[in-house]
C-alpha atoms as a PDB file:
ATOM      1  CA  MET A   1     147.897 -43.597  28.526  1.00  0.00           C
ATOM      2  CA  LYS A   2     150.184 -41.632  30.837  1.00  0.00           C
ATOM      3  CA  LEU A   3     148.564 -39.194  33.265  1.00  0.00           C
ATOM      4  CA  VAL A   4     150.501 -36.824  35.530  1.00  0.00           C
ATOM      5  CA  VAL A   5     149.146 -34.774  38.417  1.00  0.00           C
ATOM      6  CA  LEU A   6     151.657 -31.982  38.921  1.00  0.00           C
ATOM      7  CA  ASP A   7     150.379 -30.608  42.237  1.00  0.00           C
ATOM      8  CA  GLY A   8     147.833 -32.845  43.882  1.00  0.00           C
ATOM      9  CA  PHE A   9     148.381 -31.995  47.546  1.00  0.00           C
ATOM     10  CA  THR A  10     145.970 -29.076  47.895  1.00  0.00           C
ATOM     11  CA  MET A  11     143.098 -31.085  46.415  1.00  0.00           C
ATOM     12  CA  ASN A  12     144.047 -34.306  48.143  1.00  0.00           C
ATOM     13  CA  PRO A  13     146.273 -33.945  51.208  1.00  0.00           C
ATOM     14  CA  GLY A  14     145.621 -37.594  52.001  1.00  0.00           C
ATOM     15  CA  ASP A  15     141.946 -37.888  52.840  1.00  0.00           C
ATOM     16  CA  LEU A  16     140.718 -38.727  49.307  1.00  0.00           C
ATOM     17  CA  GLU A  17     141.445 -41.679  47.031  1.00  0.00           C
ATOM     18  CA  TRP A  18     143.191 -41.580  43.640  1.00  0.00           C
ATOM     19  CA  GLN A  19     141.920 -44.998  42.491  1.00  0.00           C
ATOM     20  CA  ALA A  20     139.328 -43.637  40.046  1.00  0.00           C
ATOM     21  CA  LEU A  21     142.088 -41.762  38.181  1.00  0.00           C
ATOM     22  CA  GLU A  22     144.481 -44.682  38.447  1.00  0.00           C
ATOM     23  CA  ALA A  23     141.943 -46.804  36.600  1.00  0.00           C
ATOM     24  CA  LEU A  24     142.181 -44.482  33.592  1.00  0.00           C
ATOM     25  CA  GLY A  25     145.870 -44.948  32.818  1.00  0.00           C
ATOM     26  CA  ASP A  26     149.429 -44.920  34.111  1.00  0.00           C
ATOM     27  CA  LEU A  27     149.082 -42.283  36.833  1.00  0.00           C
ATOM     28  CA  SER A  28     151.874 -40.344  38.561  1.00  0.00           C
ATOM     29  CA  VAL A  29     150.918 -37.954  41.347  1.00  0.00           C
ATOM     30  CA  TYR A  30     153.228 -35.257  42.702  1.00  0.00           C
ATOM     31  CA  ALA A  31     152.328 -33.205  45.755  1.00  0.00           C
ATOM     32  CA  ARG A  32     154.011 -30.119  44.276  1.00  0.00           C
ATOM     33  CA  SER A  33     156.101 -29.454  41.181  1.00  0.00           C
ATOM     34  CA  PRO A  34     158.695 -26.666  41.281  1.00  0.00           C
ATOM     35  CA  LEU A  35     159.062 -24.924  37.935  1.00  0.00           C
ATOM     36  CA  GLU A  36     162.344 -26.652  37.128  1.00  0.00           C
ATOM     37  CA  THR A  37     160.720 -30.099  37.430  1.00  0.00           C
ATOM     38  CA  ILE A  38     157.690 -29.574  35.179  1.00  0.00           C
ATOM     39  CA  LEU A  39     159.172 -30.802  31.907  1.00  0.00           C
ATOM     40  CA  GLU A  40     160.923 -33.809  33.404  1.00  0.00           C
ATOM     41  CA  ARG A  41     157.816 -34.960  35.262  1.00  0.00           C
ATOM     42  CA  SER A  42     155.517 -34.271  32.296  1.00  0.00           C
ATOM     43  CA  ALA A  43     157.662 -35.998  29.675  1.00  0.00           C
ATOM     44  CA  GLY A  44     155.637 -38.523  27.711  1.00  0.00           C
ATOM     45  CA  ALA A  45     152.342 -37.585  29.359  1.00  0.00           C
ATOM     46  CA  GLU A  46     149.253 -37.371  27.186  1.00  0.00           C
ATOM     47  CA  ILE A  47     147.205 -35.915  30.055  1.00  0.00           C
ATOM     48  CA  LEU A  48     148.418 -33.327  32.557  1.00  0.00           C
ATOM     49  CA  LEU A  49     146.472 -32.245  35.625  1.00  0.00           C
ATOM     50  CA  THR A  50     147.446 -29.024  37.358  1.00  0.00           C
ATOM     51  CA  ASN A  51     146.067 -26.796  40.052  1.00  0.00           C
ATOM     52  CA  LYS A  52     148.466 -23.869  40.324  1.00  0.00           C
ATOM     53  CA  THR A  53     151.546 -25.199  38.538  1.00  0.00           C
ATOM     54  CA  PRO A  54     151.809 -22.984  35.425  1.00  0.00           C
ATOM     55  CA  LEU A  55     151.803 -24.462  31.937  1.00  0.00           C
ATOM     56  CA  THR A  56     153.291 -21.795  29.707  1.00  0.00           C
ATOM     57  CA  ARG A  57     153.657 -21.626  25.946  1.00  0.00           C
ATOM     58  CA  ALA A  58     157.241 -22.836  26.252  1.00  0.00           C
ATOM     59  CA  SER A  59     156.287 -25.785  28.444  1.00  0.00           C
ATOM     60  CA  ILE A  60     153.422 -26.814  26.193  1.00  0.00           C
ATOM     61  CA  ALA A  61     155.614 -26.620  23.095  1.00  0.00           C
ATOM     62  CA  ALA A  62     158.190 -28.861  24.771  1.00  0.00           C
ATOM     63  CA  LEU A  63     155.646 -31.639  25.403  1.00  0.00           C
ATOM     64  CA  PRO A  64     154.789 -33.069  21.961  1.00  0.00           C
ATOM     65  CA  GLU A  65     152.787 -36.009  23.324  1.00  0.00           C
ATOM     66  CA  LEU A  66     150.484 -33.845  25.406  1.00  0.00           C
ATOM     67  CA  ARG A  67     146.845 -33.980  24.290  1.00  0.00           C
ATOM     68  CA  PHE A  68     144.755 -32.859  27.252  1.00  0.00           C
ATOM     69  CA  ILE A  69     145.165 -30.513  30.234  1.00  0.00           C
ATOM     70  CA  ASP A  70     142.757 -30.630  33.143  1.00  0.00           C
ATOM     71  CA  VAL A  71     142.818 -27.812  35.671  1.00  0.00           C
ATOM     72  CA  LEU A  72     142.033 -28.905  39.225  1.00  0.00           C
ATOM     73  CA  ALA A  73     140.134 -25.681  39.852  1.00  0.00           C
ATOM     74  CA  THR A  74     137.527 -23.403  38.318  1.00  0.00           C
ATOM     75  CA  GLY A  75     140.028 -20.684  37.429  1.00  0.00           C
ATOM     76  CA  TYR A  76     142.337 -21.625  34.561  1.00  0.00           C
ATOM     77  CA  ASN A  77     144.721 -18.690  34.149  1.00  0.00           C
ATOM     78  CA  VAL A  78     147.655 -21.000  34.979  1.00  0.00           C
ATOM     79  CA  VAL A  79     147.458 -22.430  31.445  1.00  0.00           C
ATOM     80  CA  ASP A  80     148.347 -20.584  28.249  1.00  0.00           C
ATOM     81  CA  LEU A  81     145.041 -21.335  26.529  1.00  0.00           C
ATOM     82  CA  ALA A  82     146.050 -19.926  23.159  1.00  0.00           C
ATOM     83  CA  ALA A  83     149.213 -22.026  23.042  1.00  0.00           C
ATOM     84  CA  ALA A  84     147.242 -25.143  23.973  1.00  0.00           C
ATOM     85  CA  ARG A  85     144.653 -24.430  21.287  1.00  0.00           C
ATOM     86  CA  GLU A  86     147.347 -23.941  18.651  1.00  0.00           C
ATOM     87  CA  CYS A  87     148.768 -27.355  19.573  1.00  0.00           C
ATOM     88  CA  GLY A  88     145.369 -29.031  19.440  1.00  0.00           C
ATOM     89  CA  ILE A  89     145.296 -29.564  23.207  1.00  0.00           C
ATOM     90  CA  ALA A  90     141.929 -29.299  24.941  1.00  0.00           C
ATOM     91  CA  VAL A  91     141.911 -27.609  28.356  1.00  0.00           C
ATOM     92  CA  SER A  92     139.104 -28.345  30.817  1.00  0.00           C
ATOM     93  CA  ASN A  93     138.304 -26.997  34.260  1.00  0.00           C
ATOM     94  CA  ALA A  94     136.004 -27.945  37.142  1.00  0.00           C
ATOM     95  CA  PRO A  95     133.081 -25.525  37.397  1.00  0.00           C
ATOM     96  CA  ALA A  96     130.796 -25.114  40.396  1.00  0.00           C
ATOM     97  CA  TYR A  97     132.337 -27.771  42.645  1.00  0.00           C
ATOM     98  CA  GLY A  98     132.877 -25.331  45.534  1.00  0.00           C
ATOM     99  CA  THR A  99     129.754 -23.166  45.400  1.00  0.00           C
ATOM    100  CA  ARG A 100     128.340 -24.064  48.811  1.00  0.00           C
ATOM    101  CA  SER A 101     131.732 -24.099  50.512  1.00  0.00           C
ATOM    102  CA  VAL A 102     132.572 -20.605  49.241  1.00  0.00           C
ATOM    103  CA  GLN A 103     129.103 -19.412  50.208  1.00  0.00           C
ATOM    104  CA  GLN A 104     129.805 -20.729  53.691  1.00  0.00           C
ATOM    105  CA  MET A 105     133.190 -18.985  53.921  1.00  0.00           C
ATOM    106  CA  THR A 106     131.691 -15.723  52.697  1.00  0.00           C
ATOM    107  CA  PHE A 107     129.416 -15.686  55.706  1.00  0.00           C
ATOM    108  CA  ALA A 108     132.016 -17.113  58.067  1.00  0.00           C
ATOM    109  CA  LEU A 109     134.142 -14.035  57.337  1.00  0.00           C
ATOM    110  CA  LEU A 110     131.161 -11.711  57.549  1.00  0.00           C
ATOM    111  CA  LEU A 111     129.938 -13.185  60.827  1.00  0.00           C
ATOM    112  CA  GLU A 112     133.413 -12.955  62.331  1.00  0.00           C
ATOM    113  CA  LEU A 113     133.484  -9.258  61.458  1.00  0.00           C
ATOM    114  CA  THR A 114     130.002  -8.633  62.866  1.00  0.00           C
ATOM    115  CA  GLN A 115     129.967 -10.979  65.894  1.00  0.00           C
ATOM    116  CA  GLN A 116     133.687 -10.956  66.826  1.00  0.00           C
ATOM    117  CA  CYS A 117     133.571 -14.564  68.044  1.00  0.00           C
ATOM    118  CA  GLY A 118     137.325 -15.107  67.869  1.00  0.00           C
ATOM    119  CA  LEU A 119     138.115 -11.888  69.717  1.00  0.00           C
ATOM    120  CA  HIS A 120     135.684 -12.654  72.540  1.00  0.00           C
ATOM    121  CA  ASP A 121     136.751 -16.299  72.766  1.00  0.00           C
ATOM    122  CA  ARG A 122     140.354 -15.210  73.334  1.00  0.00           C
ATOM    123  CA  ALA A 123     139.259 -12.632  75.908  1.00  0.00           C
ATOM    124  CA  VAL A 124     137.198 -15.198  77.853  1.00  0.00           C
ATOM    125  CA  LYS A 125     140.076 -17.661  77.914  1.00  0.00           C
ATOM    126  CA  ASP A 126     142.408 -14.888  79.069  1.00  0.00           C
ATOM    127  CA  GLY A 127     140.169 -14.505  82.129  1.00  0.00           C
ATOM    128  CA  MET A 128     138.321 -11.320  81.215  1.00  0.00           C
ATOM    129  CA  TRP A 129     134.847 -12.824  81.753  1.00  0.00           C
ATOM    130  CA  SER A 130     135.885 -14.335  85.068  1.00  0.00           C
ATOM    131  CA  ARG A 131     136.963 -10.875  86.233  1.00  0.00           C
ATOM    132  CA  CYS A 132     133.879  -9.134  84.823  1.00  0.00           C
ATOM    133  CA  GLN A 133     131.393  -7.467  87.221  1.00  0.00           C
ATOM    134  CA  ASP A 134     128.515  -8.113  84.804  1.00  0.00           C
ATOM    135  CA  ILE A 135     127.121 -11.181  83.096  1.00  0.00           C
ATOM    136  CA  THR A 136     128.443 -10.023  79.741  1.00  0.00           C
ATOM    137  CA  PHE A 137     130.871  -7.675  78.003  1.00  0.00           C
ATOM    138  CA  GLN A 138     131.696  -6.543  74.487  1.00  0.00           C
ATOM    139  CA  LEU A 139     135.141  -5.582  73.286  1.00  0.00           C
ATOM    140  CA  LYS A 140     133.718  -4.284  70.031  1.00  0.00           C
ATOM    141  CA  PRO A 141     130.165  -3.390  69.015  1.00  0.00           C
ATOM    142  CA  LEU A 142     128.204  -6.291  67.550  1.00  0.00           C
ATOM    143  CA  LEU A 143     126.314  -5.778  64.302  1.00  0.00           C
ATOM    144  CA  GLU A 144     122.998  -7.345  63.293  1.00  0.00           C
ATOM    145  CA  LEU A 145     122.695  -8.265  59.606  1.00  0.00           C
ATOM    146  CA  ASP A 146     118.899  -8.134  59.393  1.00  0.00           C
ATOM    147  CA  GLY A 147     117.835  -5.108  57.363  1.00  0.00           C
ATOM    148  CA  LEU A 148     121.317  -4.286  56.052  1.00  0.00           C
ATOM    149  CA  THR A 149     122.107  -4.166  52.333  1.00  0.00           C
ATOM    150  CA  PHE A 150     124.272  -6.914  50.872  1.00  0.00           C
ATOM    151  CA  GLY A 151     125.941  -6.025  47.580  1.00  0.00           C
ATOM    152  CA  VAL A 152     126.953  -8.933  45.321  1.00  0.00           C
ATOM    153  CA  VAL A 153     129.520  -8.073  42.650  1.00  0.00           C
ATOM    154  CA  GLY A 154     129.177 -10.828  40.044  1.00  0.00           C
ATOM    155  CA  PHE A 155     126.052 -12.952  39.907  1.00  0.00           C
ATOM    156  CA  GLY A 156     127.263 -16.360  38.820  1.00  0.00           C
ATOM    157  CA  ALA A 157     126.643 -19.540  40.781  1.00  0.00           C
ATOM    158  CA  ILE A 158     128.593 -18.435  43.870  1.00  0.00           C
ATOM    159  CA  GLY A 159     127.235 -14.891  43.781  1.00  0.00           C
ATOM    160  CA  GLN A 160     123.709 -16.276  43.636  1.00  0.00           C
ATOM    161  CA  ALA A 161     124.428 -18.615  46.543  1.00  0.00           C
ATOM    162  CA  ALA A 162     125.798 -15.709  48.596  1.00  0.00           C
ATOM    163  CA  ALA A 163     122.666 -13.707  47.812  1.00  0.00           C
ATOM    164  CA  GLN A 164     120.521 -16.638  48.910  1.00  0.00           C
ATOM    165  CA  ALA A 165     122.294 -16.741  52.276  1.00  0.00           C
ATOM    166  CA  ALA A 166     122.008 -12.975  52.695  1.00  0.00           C
ATOM    167  CA  LEU A 167     118.268 -13.148  52.118  1.00  0.00           C
ATOM    168  CA  ALA A 168     118.041 -15.869  54.774  1.00  0.00           C
ATOM    169  CA  PHE A 169     119.632 -13.425  57.229  1.00  0.00           C
ATOM    170  CA  GLY A 170     116.990 -10.832  56.397  1.00  0.00           C
ATOM    171  CA  MET A 171     119.293  -8.626  54.343  1.00  0.00           C
ATOM    172  CA  ARG A 172     118.311  -6.580  51.308  1.00  0.00           C
ATOM    173  CA  VAL A 173     120.317  -7.759  48.295  1.00  0.00           C
ATOM    174  CA  VAL A 174     121.554  -5.748  45.340  1.00  0.00           C
ATOM    175  CA  THR A 175     123.792  -7.028  42.575  1.00  0.00           C
ATOM    176  CA  ALA A 176     125.892  -5.670  39.752  1.00  0.00           C
ATOM    177  CA  SER A 177     127.297  -7.901  37.054  1.00  0.00           C
ATOM    178  CA  ARG A 178     128.882  -7.647  33.625  1.00  0.00           C
ATOM    179  CA  THR A 179     125.528  -8.242  31.963  1.00  0.00           C
ATOM    180  CA  ARG A 180     122.103  -7.596  33.387  1.00  0.00           C
ATOM    181  CA  PRO A 181     120.320 -10.893  34.112  1.00  0.00           C
ATOM    182  CA  ALA A 182     117.063 -11.548  32.288  1.00  0.00           C
ATOM    183  CA  SER A 183     115.460 -12.306  35.639  1.00  0.00           C
ATOM    184  CA  LEU A 184     116.480 -12.147  39.267  1.00  0.00           C
ATOM    185  CA  PRO A 185     115.384 -14.080  42.357  1.00  0.00           C
ATOM    186  CA  ALA A 186     112.752 -12.465  44.533  1.00  0.00           C
ATOM    187  CA  GLY A 187     114.365  -9.972  46.880  1.00  0.00           C
ATOM    188  CA  VAL A 188     117.364  -9.239  44.641  1.00  0.00           C
ATOM    189  CA  ALA A 189     117.664  -5.936  42.755  1.00  0.00           C
ATOM    190  CA  TRP A 190     120.036  -5.187  39.883  1.00  0.00           C
ATOM    191  CA  VAL A 191     121.846  -1.842  40.193  1.00  0.00           C
ATOM    192  CA  THR A 192     124.794  -0.140  38.604  1.00  0.00           C
ATOM    193  CA  GLN A 193     128.198  -0.864  40.051  1.00  0.00           C
ATOM    194  CA  GLU A 194     128.544   2.618  41.528  1.00  0.00           C
ATOM    195  CA  GLU A 195     125.099   2.434  43.103  1.00  0.00           C
ATOM    196  CA  LEU A 196     125.990  -0.935  44.645  1.00  0.00           C
ATOM    197  CA  PHE A 197     129.142   0.429  46.247  1.00  0.00           C
ATOM    198  CA  ARG A 198     127.304   3.473  47.554  1.00  0.00           C
ATOM    199  CA  ARG A 199     124.281   1.601  48.942  1.00  0.00           C
ATOM    200  CA  ALA A 200     125.769  -1.597  50.334  1.00  0.00           C
ATOM    201  CA  ASP A 201     126.575  -2.172  53.992  1.00  0.00           C
ATOM    202  CA  VAL A 202     128.438  -5.285  52.864  1.00  0.00           C
ATOM    203  CA  VAL A 203     130.159  -5.646  49.479  1.00  0.00           C
ATOM    204  CA  SER A 204     130.940  -9.254  48.566  1.00  0.00           C
ATOM    205  CA  LEU A 205     133.109 -10.011  45.520  1.00  0.00           C
ATOM    206  CA  HIS A 206     132.180 -12.996  43.352  1.00  0.00           C
ATOM    207  CA  CYS A 207     133.379 -11.956  39.901  1.00  0.00           C
ATOM    208  CA  PRO A 208     136.252 -13.447  37.883  1.00  0.00           C
ATOM    209  CA  LEU A 209     139.619 -11.722  37.620  1.00  0.00           C
ATOM    210  CA  THR A 210     139.863 -10.157  34.171  1.00  0.00           C
ATOM    211  CA  PRO A 211     141.645  -7.078  32.790  1.00  0.00           C
ATOM    212  CA  GLN A 212     138.373  -5.223  33.399  1.00  0.00           C
ATOM    213  CA  THR A 213     138.010  -6.304  37.047  1.00  0.00           C
ATOM    214  CA  GLU A 214     141.660  -6.169  38.112  1.00  0.00           C
ATOM    215  CA  LYS A 215     141.947  -3.811  41.113  1.00  0.00           C
ATOM    216  CA  LEU A 216     138.216  -3.193  41.039  1.00  0.00           C
ATOM    217  CA  ILE A 217     138.574  -2.282  44.705  1.00  0.00           C
ATOM    218  CA  CYS A 218     140.685   0.847  44.513  1.00  0.00           C
ATOM    219  CA  ASP A 219     140.749   4.390  45.842  1.00  0.00           C
ATOM    220  CA  ARG A 220     137.859   5.365  43.558  1.00  0.00           C
ATOM    221  CA  THR A 221     135.474   2.548  44.503  1.00  0.00           C
ATOM    222  CA  LEU A 222     136.472   2.643  48.165  1.00  0.00           C
ATOM    223  CA  ALA A 223     135.549   6.339  48.210  1.00  0.00           C
ATOM    224  CA  TRP A 224     132.022   5.368  47.138  1.00  0.00           C
ATOM    225  CA  MET A 225     131.598   3.022  50.105  1.00  0.00           C
ATOM    226  CA  LYS A 226     130.153   3.957  53.469  1.00  0.00           C
ATOM    227  CA  PRO A 227     132.739   4.253  56.265  1.00  0.00           C
ATOM    228  CA  THR A 228     130.612   1.722  58.169  1.00  0.00           C
ATOM    229  CA  ALA A 229     130.677  -0.796  55.302  1.00  0.00           C
ATOM    230  CA  LEU A 230     132.425  -4.171  55.199  1.00  0.00           C
ATOM    231  CA  LEU A 231     134.204  -5.806  52.250  1.00  0.00           C
ATOM    232  CA  ILE A 232     134.332  -9.572  51.687  1.00  0.00           C
ATOM    233  CA  ASN A 233     136.538 -11.181  49.025  1.00  0.00           C
ATOM    234  CA  THR A 234     136.373 -14.928  48.454  1.00  0.00           C
ATOM    235  CA  SER A 235     137.012 -14.620  44.713  1.00  0.00           C
ATOM    236  CA  ARG A 236     140.473 -13.510  43.537  1.00  0.00           C
ATOM    237  CA  GLY A 237     143.094 -11.393  45.301  1.00  0.00           C
ATOM    238  CA  GLY A 238     143.814  -9.408  42.157  1.00  0.00           C
ATOM    239  CA  LEU A 239     140.383  -7.793  42.374  1.00  0.00           C
ATOM    240  CA  VAL A 240     141.747  -5.629  45.196  1.00  0.00           C
ATOM    241  CA  ASP A 241     144.344  -2.880  45.273  1.00  0.00           C
ATOM    242  CA  GLU A 242     145.681  -4.076  48.602  1.00  0.00           C
ATOM    243  CA  ALA A 243     147.549  -0.892  49.472  1.00  0.00           C
ATOM    244  CA  ALA A 244     144.404   1.176  48.850  1.00  0.00           C
ATOM    245  CA  LEU A 245     142.282  -1.163  50.965  1.00  0.00           C
ATOM    246  CA  ALA A 246     144.816  -1.127  53.802  1.00  0.00           C
ATOM    247  CA  ARG A 247     144.827   2.673  53.786  1.00  0.00           C
ATOM    248  CA  ALA A 248     141.034   2.821  53.871  1.00  0.00           C
ATOM    249  CA  LEU A 249     140.927   0.433  56.824  1.00  0.00           C
ATOM    250  CA  ASP A 250     143.717   2.127  58.769  1.00  0.00           C
ATOM    251  CA  GLU A 251     142.236   5.577  58.204  1.00  0.00           C
ATOM    252  CA  GLY A 252     138.743   4.509  59.261  1.00  0.00           C
ATOM    253  CA  ARG A 253     137.214   5.051  55.813  1.00  0.00           C
ATOM    254  CA  LEU A 254     136.056   1.428  55.811  1.00  0.00           C
ATOM    255  CA  ALA A 255     134.912  -0.508  58.867  1.00  0.00           C
ATOM    256  CA  GLY A 256     136.418  -3.903  58.068  1.00  0.00           C
ATOM    257  CA  ALA A 257     137.362  -6.520  55.512  1.00  0.00           C
ATOM    258  CA  GLY A 258     137.393 -10.299  55.351  1.00  0.00           C
ATOM    259  CA  VAL A 259     139.463 -11.869  52.587  1.00  0.00           C
ATOM    260  CA  ASP A 260     140.291 -15.454  51.696  1.00  0.00           C
ATOM    261  CA  VAL A 261     142.504 -14.495  48.752  1.00  0.00           C
ATOM    262  CA  LEU A 262     145.472 -12.204  48.167  1.00  0.00           C
ATOM    263  CA  SER A 263     147.204 -10.945  45.042  1.00  0.00           C
ATOM    264  CA  THR A 264     150.264 -13.116  45.713  1.00  0.00           C
ATOM    265  CA  GLU A 265     149.862 -16.472  47.435  1.00  0.00           C
ATOM    266  CA  PRO A 266     151.520 -17.264  49.756  1.00  0.00           C
ATOM    267  CA  PRO A 267     151.771 -13.543  50.584  1.00  0.00           C
ATOM    268  CA  GLU A 268     154.947 -11.601  50.977  1.00  0.00           C
ATOM    269  CA  PRO A 269     155.509 -10.487  54.604  1.00  0.00           C
ATOM    270  CA  SER A 270     155.258  -6.911  53.327  1.00  0.00           C
ATOM    271  CA  ASN A 271     151.657  -7.302  52.119  1.00  0.00           C
ATOM    272  CA  PRO A 272     149.893  -4.279  53.653  1.00  0.00           C
ATOM    273  CA  LEU A 273     146.736  -6.209  54.515  1.00  0.00           C
ATOM    274  CA  LEU A 274     148.619  -8.449  56.950  1.00  0.00           C
ATOM    275  CA  HIS A 275     148.799  -5.566  59.401  1.00  0.00           C
ATOM    276  CA  ALA A 276     145.743  -3.521  58.397  1.00  0.00           C
ATOM    277  CA  ARG A 277     143.099  -2.544  60.935  1.00  0.00           C
ATOM    278  CA  ASN A 278     140.142  -4.916  61.297  1.00  0.00           C
ATOM    279  CA  CYS A 279     141.155  -7.126  58.386  1.00  0.00           C
ATOM    280  CA  ILE A 280     140.530 -10.874  58.684  1.00  0.00           C
ATOM    281  CA  ILE A 281     142.563 -13.070  56.341  1.00  0.00           C
ATOM    282  CA  THR A 282     142.189 -16.795  55.717  1.00  0.00           C
ATOM    283  CA  PRO A 283     144.636 -18.752  53.498  1.00  0.00           C
ATOM    284  CA  HIS A 284     142.605 -19.313  50.297  1.00  0.00           C
ATOM    285  CA  CYS A 285     140.762 -22.210  51.874  1.00  0.00           C
ATOM    286  CA  ALA A 286     137.124 -21.323  51.131  1.00  0.00           C
ATOM    287  CA  TRP A 287     137.040 -23.997  48.431  1.00  0.00           C
ATOM    288  CA  ALA A 288     138.780 -26.671  50.456  1.00  0.00           C
ATOM    289  CA  THR A 289     136.137 -28.481  52.492  1.00  0.00           C
ATOM    290  CA  ARG A 290     136.400 -32.235  52.057  1.00  0.00           C
ATOM    291  CA  ALA A 291     133.023 -32.336  50.337  1.00  0.00           C
ATOM    292  CA  ALA A 292     134.105 -29.716  47.787  1.00  0.00           C
ATOM    293  CA  ARG A 293     137.438 -31.417  47.143  1.00  0.00           C
ATOM    294  CA  GLN A 294     135.667 -34.746  46.564  1.00  0.00           C
ATOM    295  CA  ARG A 295     133.374 -33.056  44.040  1.00  0.00           C
ATOM    296  CA  LEU A 296     136.457 -31.553  42.395  1.00  0.00           C
ATOM    297  CA  LEU A 297     138.049 -35.000  42.122  1.00  0.00           C
ATOM    298  CA  ASP A 298     134.825 -36.473  40.753  1.00  0.00           C
ATOM    299  CA  ILE A 299     134.600 -33.760  38.072  1.00  0.00           C
ATOM    300  CA  THR A 300     138.270 -34.317  37.221  1.00  0.00           C
ATOM    301  CA  VAL A 301     137.704 -38.033  36.694  1.00  0.00           C
ATOM    302  CA  ALA A 302     134.652 -37.277  34.542  1.00  0.00           C
ATOM    303  CA  ASN A 303     136.652 -34.762  32.480  1.00  0.00           C
ATOM    304  CA  VAL A 304     139.397 -37.301  31.800  1.00  0.00           C
ATOM    305  CA  LYS A 305     136.867 -40.005  30.892  1.00  0.00           C
ATOM    306  CA  ALA A 306     135.091 -37.619  28.537  1.00  0.00           C
ATOM    307  CA  PHE A 307     138.363 -36.747  26.814  1.00  0.00           C
ATOM    308  CA  GLN A 308     139.313 -40.385  26.444  1.00  0.00           C
ATOM    309  CA  ALA A 309     135.896 -41.054  24.900  1.00  0.00           C
ATOM    310  CA  GLY A 310     136.477 -38.315  22.342  1.00  0.00           C
ATOM    311  CA  ARG A 311     133.907 -35.959  23.858  1.00  0.00           C
ATOM    312  CA  PRO A 312     135.829 -33.513  26.068  1.00  0.00           C
ATOM    313  CA  GLN A 313     133.677 -31.559  28.486  1.00  0.00           C
ATOM    314  CA  ASN A 314     134.088 -28.316  30.447  1.00  0.00           C
ATOM    315  CA  VAL A 315     136.489 -27.131  27.737  1.00  0.00           C
ATOM    316  CA  VAL A 316     137.677 -23.552  28.278  1.00  0.00           C
ATOM    317  CA  ASN A 317     139.795 -23.078  25.142  1.00  0.00           C
ATOM    318  CA  GLY A 318     137.405 -24.319  22.484  1.00  0.00           C
END
């Protein structure tokens, strides 16, 4: 059985092993696959594995031997699910492999905004502390999280993990999600989306990108937020109207933002958030700890084994 990994570098830049996949068939691994190479590299493959390389209706139709697509991620919008279903091709993803890593990045961004560690580190190394008349200095006010309200938009596995961390910091937690949960952890209150935006000192996005959530952060929702509030996005860049967020930051209508995702990745140099006031941006790496990538590889191997056994798992186009 021929297996092809179209873009394996982000999951495995060299610190993981492919042997478990190699044991399942004739494996070819490409670091990246430009669009013009997809069909040539995929020819004859029964199993394709992709992270961000798109598999469109046209591509799927041109690969008659293809039987299974595994997405090396939780999000699967890179695959035309309807076209795959029509061709009898199962599509699986890798749920929940990065929950703790994304939880960690959520608070790394938040703590950078509230403690300003990077800013003060650079100042110390530039000699400012050595020249200081006092034992300490602050270039920006520092903010304590205890007692603040943490708003979680989307209460899936990662949203729940973020709420858990917020509670550990002594924060009050409110959440809004597509459906109201039957029960909530102690210390977490369900509110309407508007109430969340109005009450929260920190809004953290953990919902999927859908037609309903696209540009959820926009002029209207930003106007609901406190000017002292902070926004964290470790979910999907398309949840944010980036021009609206940049305006709110530059005009002082929002205190700060920390984002690990942008609407186009890599970003165009003209992206307004690249130069917005008090906006921290990391390059979509919240998911990419070695531990999370190993879990992703393990789930991928299990998905392929399950398909080969006639019992596909984690199917997203059933």
